[in-house]
Amino acid sequence: MLSIRFVRIGKKRHPIYRIVVMEKGKNPHSTYLENLGTYNPHTKEKNIKKDRVDYWVSKGANLTATIHNLFVDQGFITYKKVRASKSKPGKKKQAQIAIKKSEEEATKKNQEAEKVAAEAAAKEAVEQAAPEIPAETEVKTEAISTEKSE
């Protein structure tokens, strides 16, 4: 299976990444099929061949998570970013996420309750405002002729 991924080049403590197409299980320092560009994380400089990226993606090459996020930033693909790290967030972050979810659920329930209450109040107001017509009374309507008299 082909994948588009980073290959690290550059000096110690000053990486520059080459964006390449290669087999997924291959050693990153071995040969690759095609060089698609470079990325310098220090200067945020990106030199990427968009037409070649589109070609390889159309051929079925998978993107690593980091490359996917880079291409989303560049506008090459129109998806949401994905979590690049395989580790889960820490306990503190997980607690914040849980609190945020519970707050969202509470606001959703409150909005639904307010909507039901508003509908009930509107229905009650309509019932009070409308005069009561006995069910036995029939409303008579006369047919209006639309003929012209000449």
C-alpha atoms as a PDB file:
ATOM      1  CA  MET A   1       0.000   0.000   0.000  1.00  0.00           C
ATOM      2  CA  LEU A   2       1.349   3.412  -0.932  1.00  0.00           C
ATOM      3  CA  SER A   3       1.476   6.289   1.493  1.00  0.00           C
ATOM      4  CA  ILE A   4       2.469   9.921   1.279  1.00  0.00           C
ATOM      5  CA  ARG A   5       4.624  10.743   4.280  1.00  0.00           C
ATOM      6  CA  PHE A   6       7.530  12.737   5.689  1.00  0.00           C
ATOM      7  CA  VAL A   7      11.165  11.679   5.455  1.00  0.00           C
ATOM      8  CA  ARG A   8      13.441  13.596   7.787  1.00  0.00           C
ATOM      9  CA  ILE A   9      16.508  15.256   6.311  1.00  0.00           C
ATOM     10  CA  GLY A  10      18.633  18.119   7.589  1.00  0.00           C
ATOM     11  CA  LYS A  11      20.979  18.669  10.495  1.00  0.00           C
ATOM     12  CA  LYS A  12      20.750  17.582  14.091  1.00  0.00           C
ATOM     13  CA  ARG A  13      18.123  19.663  15.947  1.00  0.00           C
ATOM     14  CA  HIS A  14      17.203  21.407  12.692  1.00  0.00           C
ATOM     15  CA  PRO A  15      14.979  19.032  10.719  1.00  0.00           C
ATOM     16  CA  ILE A  16      13.702  19.570   7.223  1.00  0.00           C
ATOM     17  CA  TYR A  17      11.188  17.105   5.884  1.00  0.00           C
ATOM     18  CA  ARG A  18      10.859  15.706   2.391  1.00  0.00           C
ATOM     19  CA  ILE A  19       7.326  14.718   1.348  1.00  0.00           C
ATOM     20  CA  VAL A  20       7.551  11.436  -0.529  1.00  0.00           C
ATOM     21  CA  VAL A  21       5.461   8.577  -1.899  1.00  0.00           C
ATOM     22  CA  MET A  22       6.612   5.136  -0.757  1.00  0.00           C
ATOM     23  CA  GLU A  23       5.384   1.800   0.470  1.00  0.00           C
ATOM     24  CA  LYS A  24       3.799   2.043   3.918  1.00  0.00           C
ATOM     25  CA  GLY A  25       5.949  -0.565   5.651  1.00  0.00           C
ATOM     26  CA  LYS A  26       9.263   0.529   4.161  1.00  0.00           C
ATOM     27  CA  ASN A  27      12.118   2.087   6.089  1.00  0.00           C
ATOM     28  CA  PRO A  28      11.811   5.893   5.698  1.00  0.00           C
ATOM     29  CA  HIS A  29      15.459   6.201   4.685  1.00  0.00           C
ATOM     30  CA  SER A  30      15.171   3.690   1.863  1.00  0.00           C
ATOM     31  CA  THR A  31      14.247   4.514  -1.722  1.00  0.00           C
ATOM     32  CA  TYR A  32      10.961   6.201  -2.517  1.00  0.00           C
ATOM     33  CA  LEU A  33       8.834   6.403  -5.639  1.00  0.00           C
ATOM     34  CA  GLU A  34       8.590  10.184  -5.968  1.00  0.00           C
ATOM     35  CA  ASN A  35       9.575  13.345  -4.127  1.00  0.00           C
ATOM     36  CA  LEU A  36       6.528  15.613  -3.845  1.00  0.00           C
ATOM     37  CA  GLY A  37       8.175  18.537  -2.068  1.00  0.00           C
ATOM     38  CA  THR A  38       9.711  19.748   1.180  1.00  0.00           C
ATOM     39  CA  TYR A  39       8.557  21.259   4.463  1.00  0.00           C
ATOM     40  CA  ASN A  40      10.677  23.336   6.842  1.00  0.00           C
ATOM     41  CA  PRO A  41       8.954  23.499  10.256  1.00  0.00           C
ATOM     42  CA  HIS A  42      11.198  26.324  11.498  1.00  0.00           C
ATOM     43  CA  THR A  43      10.360  28.815   8.771  1.00  0.00           C
ATOM     44  CA  LYS A  44       7.016  27.160   7.870  1.00  0.00           C
ATOM     45  CA  GLU A  45       8.201  27.105   4.257  1.00  0.00           C
ATOM     46  CA  LYS A  46       6.374  24.585   2.101  1.00  0.00           C
ATOM     47  CA  ASN A  47       7.282  23.596  -1.460  1.00  0.00           C
ATOM     48  CA  ILE A  48       4.723  21.047  -2.599  1.00  0.00           C
ATOM     49  CA  LYS A  49       3.789  19.883  -6.108  1.00  0.00           C
ATOM     50  CA  LYS A  50      -0.012  19.996  -5.952  1.00  0.00           C
ATOM     51  CA  ASP A  51      -0.598  18.312  -9.302  1.00  0.00           C
ATOM     52  CA  ARG A  52       1.560  15.334  -8.316  1.00  0.00           C
ATOM     53  CA  VAL A  53      -0.162  15.102  -4.919  1.00  0.00           C
ATOM     54  CA  ASP A  54      -3.543  14.992  -6.676  1.00  0.00           C
ATOM     55  CA  TYR A  55      -2.225  12.310  -9.020  1.00  0.00           C
ATOM     56  CA  TRP A  56      -1.002  10.036  -6.215  1.00  0.00           C
ATOM     57  CA  VAL A  57      -4.136  10.539  -4.120  1.00  0.00           C
ATOM     58  CA  SER A  58      -6.245   9.618  -7.163  1.00  0.00           C
ATOM     59  CA  LYS A  59      -4.141   6.449  -7.520  1.00  0.00           C
ATOM     60  CA  GLY A  60      -5.064   5.473  -3.947  1.00  0.00           C
ATOM     61  CA  ALA A  61      -2.072   6.624  -1.909  1.00  0.00           C
ATOM     62  CA  ASN A  62      -2.942   7.120   1.770  1.00  0.00           C
ATOM     63  CA  LEU A  63      -1.893  10.213   3.709  1.00  0.00           C
ATOM     64  CA  THR A  64      -0.326  10.076   7.143  1.00  0.00           C
ATOM     65  CA  ALA A  65      -2.141  12.150   9.765  1.00  0.00           C
ATOM     66  CA  THR A  66       0.476  14.918   9.767  1.00  0.00           C
ATOM     67  CA  ILE A  67       0.551  15.133   5.975  1.00  0.00           C
ATOM     68  CA  HIS A  68      -3.258  15.147   5.948  1.00  0.00           C
ATOM     69  CA  ASN A  69      -3.318  18.132   8.320  1.00  0.00           C
ATOM     70  CA  LEU A  70      -0.646  19.924   6.273  1.00  0.00           C
ATOM     71  CA  PHE A  71      -2.654  19.459   3.070  1.00  0.00           C
ATOM     72  CA  VAL A  72      -5.825  20.695   4.812  1.00  0.00           C
ATOM     73  CA  ASP A  73      -3.920  23.868   5.801  1.00  0.00           C
ATOM     74  CA  GLN A  74      -2.685  24.299   2.235  1.00  0.00           C
ATOM     75  CA  GLY A  75      -6.161  23.771   0.804  1.00  0.00           C
ATOM     76  CA  PHE A  76      -5.191  20.709  -1.250  1.00  0.00           C
ATOM     77  CA  ILE A  77      -7.963  18.681   0.391  1.00  0.00           C
ATOM     78  CA  THR A  78     -11.183  19.829   2.036  1.00  0.00           C
ATOM     79  CA  TYR A  79     -11.598  17.635   5.084  1.00  0.00           C
ATOM     80  CA  LYS A  80     -11.371  18.268   8.793  1.00  0.00           C
ATOM     81  CA  LYS A  81      -8.040  17.913  10.523  1.00  0.00           C
ATOM     82  CA  VAL A  82      -7.342  14.623  12.262  1.00  0.00           C
ATOM     83  CA  ARG A  83      -5.577  13.898  15.530  1.00  0.00           C
ATOM     84  CA  ALA A  84      -1.960  13.217  14.559  1.00  0.00           C
ATOM     85  CA  SER A  85      -0.796  11.953  17.935  1.00  0.00           C
ATOM     86  CA  LYS A  86      -1.598   8.361  18.828  1.00  0.00           C
ATOM     87  CA  SER A  87      -1.587   9.098  22.540  1.00  0.00           C
ATOM     88  CA  LYS A  88      -4.734  10.111  24.347  1.00  0.00           C
ATOM     89  CA  PRO A  89      -4.992  13.493  26.052  1.00  0.00           C
ATOM     90  CA  GLY A  90      -3.977  13.684  29.705  1.00  0.00           C
ATOM     91  CA  LYS A  91      -6.369  13.365  32.644  1.00  0.00           C
ATOM     92  CA  LYS A  92      -6.776  17.120  32.927  1.00  0.00           C
ATOM     93  CA  LYS A  93      -7.658  17.504  29.253  1.00  0.00           C
ATOM     94  CA  GLN A  94     -10.021  14.510  29.370  1.00  0.00           C
ATOM     95  CA  ALA A  95     -11.808  16.097  32.352  1.00  0.00           C
ATOM     96  CA  GLN A  96     -12.148  19.377  30.420  1.00  0.00           C
ATOM     97  CA  ILE A  97     -13.567  17.513  27.435  1.00  0.00           C
ATOM     98  CA  ALA A  98     -16.062  15.657  29.665  1.00  0.00           C
ATOM     99  CA  ILE A  99     -17.177  18.925  31.294  1.00  0.00           C
ATOM    100  CA  LYS A 100     -17.604  20.568  27.905  1.00  0.00           C
ATOM    101  CA  LYS A 101     -19.708  17.651  26.628  1.00  0.00           C
ATOM    102  CA  SER A 102     -21.931  17.694  29.715  1.00  0.00           C
ATOM    103  CA  GLU A 103     -22.417  21.472  29.367  1.00  0.00           C
ATOM    104  CA  GLU A 104     -23.370  21.056  25.708  1.00  0.00           C
ATOM    105  CA  GLU A 105     -25.881  18.331  26.614  1.00  0.00           C
ATOM    106  CA  ALA A 106     -27.358  20.502  29.389  1.00  0.00           C
ATOM    107  CA  THR A 107     -27.760  23.503  27.068  1.00  0.00           C
ATOM    108  CA  LYS A 108     -29.366  21.268  24.439  1.00  0.00           C
ATOM    109  CA  LYS A 109     -31.874  19.940  26.998  1.00  0.00           C
ATOM    110  CA  ASN A 110     -32.608  23.480  28.231  1.00  0.00           C
ATOM    111  CA  GLN A 111     -33.225  24.675  24.673  1.00  0.00           C
ATOM    112  CA  GLU A 112     -35.608  21.787  24.033  1.00  0.00           C
ATOM    113  CA  ALA A 113     -37.471  22.484  27.303  1.00  0.00           C
ATOM    114  CA  GLU A 114     -37.731  26.202  26.450  1.00  0.00           C
ATOM    115  CA  LYS A 115     -39.047  25.328  22.996  1.00  0.00           C
ATOM    116  CA  VAL A 116     -41.729  23.033  24.436  1.00  0.00           C
ATOM    117  CA  ALA A 117     -42.707  25.663  27.015  1.00  0.00           C
ATOM    118  CA  ALA A 118     -42.907  28.380  24.352  1.00  0.00           C
ATOM    119  CA  GLU A 119     -45.099  26.176  22.141  1.00  0.00           C
ATOM    120  CA  ALA A 120     -47.397  25.417  25.094  1.00  0.00           C
ATOM    121  CA  ALA A 121     -47.649  29.118  25.990  1.00  0.00           C
ATOM    122  CA  ALA A 122     -48.430  30.046  22.388  1.00  0.00           C
ATOM    123  CA  LYS A 123     -51.109  27.358  22.176  1.00  0.00           C
ATOM    124  CA  GLU A 124     -52.669  28.543  25.433  1.00  0.00           C
ATOM    125  CA  ALA A 125     -52.644  32.175  24.265  1.00  0.00           C
ATOM    126  CA  VAL A 126     -54.404  31.197  21.023  1.00  0.00           C
ATOM    127  CA  GLU A 127     -57.045  29.264  22.951  1.00  0.00           C
ATOM    128  CA  GLN A 128     -57.723  32.208  25.274  1.00  0.00           C
ATOM    129  CA  ALA A 129     -57.808  34.786  22.481  1.00  0.00           C
ATOM    130  CA  ALA A 130     -60.156  32.886  20.170  1.00  0.00           C
ATOM    131  CA  PRO A 131     -63.862  33.255  20.975  1.00  0.00           C
ATOM    132  CA  GLU A 132     -65.577  30.022  21.660  1.00  0.00           C
ATOM    133  CA  ILE A 133     -67.997  28.874  18.951  1.00  0.00           C
ATOM    134  CA  PRO A 134     -70.472  26.228  19.959  1.00  0.00           C
ATOM    135  CA  ALA A 135     -70.139  23.060  17.980  1.00  0.00           C
ATOM    136  CA  GLU A 136     -73.888  22.960  17.183  1.00  0.00           C
ATOM    137  CA  THR A 137     -73.871  26.303  15.356  1.00  0.00           C
ATOM    138  CA  GLU A 138     -73.370  26.049  11.639  1.00  0.00           C
ATOM    139  CA  VAL A 139     -71.735  28.754   9.664  1.00  0.00           C
ATOM    140  CA  LYS A 140     -73.807  29.639   6.625  1.00  0.00           C
ATOM    141  CA  THR A 141     -72.079  30.701   3.486  1.00  0.00           C
ATOM    142  CA  GLU A 142     -73.740  32.144   0.426  1.00  0.00           C
ATOM    143  CA  ALA A 143     -72.576  31.379  -3.026  1.00  0.00           C
ATOM    144  CA  ILE A 144     -71.463  34.488  -4.824  1.00  0.00           C
ATOM    145  CA  SER A 145     -72.059  34.482  -8.512  1.00  0.00           C
ATOM    146  CA  THR A 146     -69.272  35.718 -10.693  1.00  0.00           C
ATOM    147  CA  GLU A 147     -71.396  36.202 -13.764  1.00  0.00           C
ATOM    148  CA  LYS A 148     -71.301  39.596 -15.436  1.00  0.00           C
ATOM    149  CA  SER A 149     -74.562  41.235 -16.213  1.00  0.00           C
ATOM    150  CA  GLU A 150     -74.519  42.995 -19.544  1.00  0.00           C
END
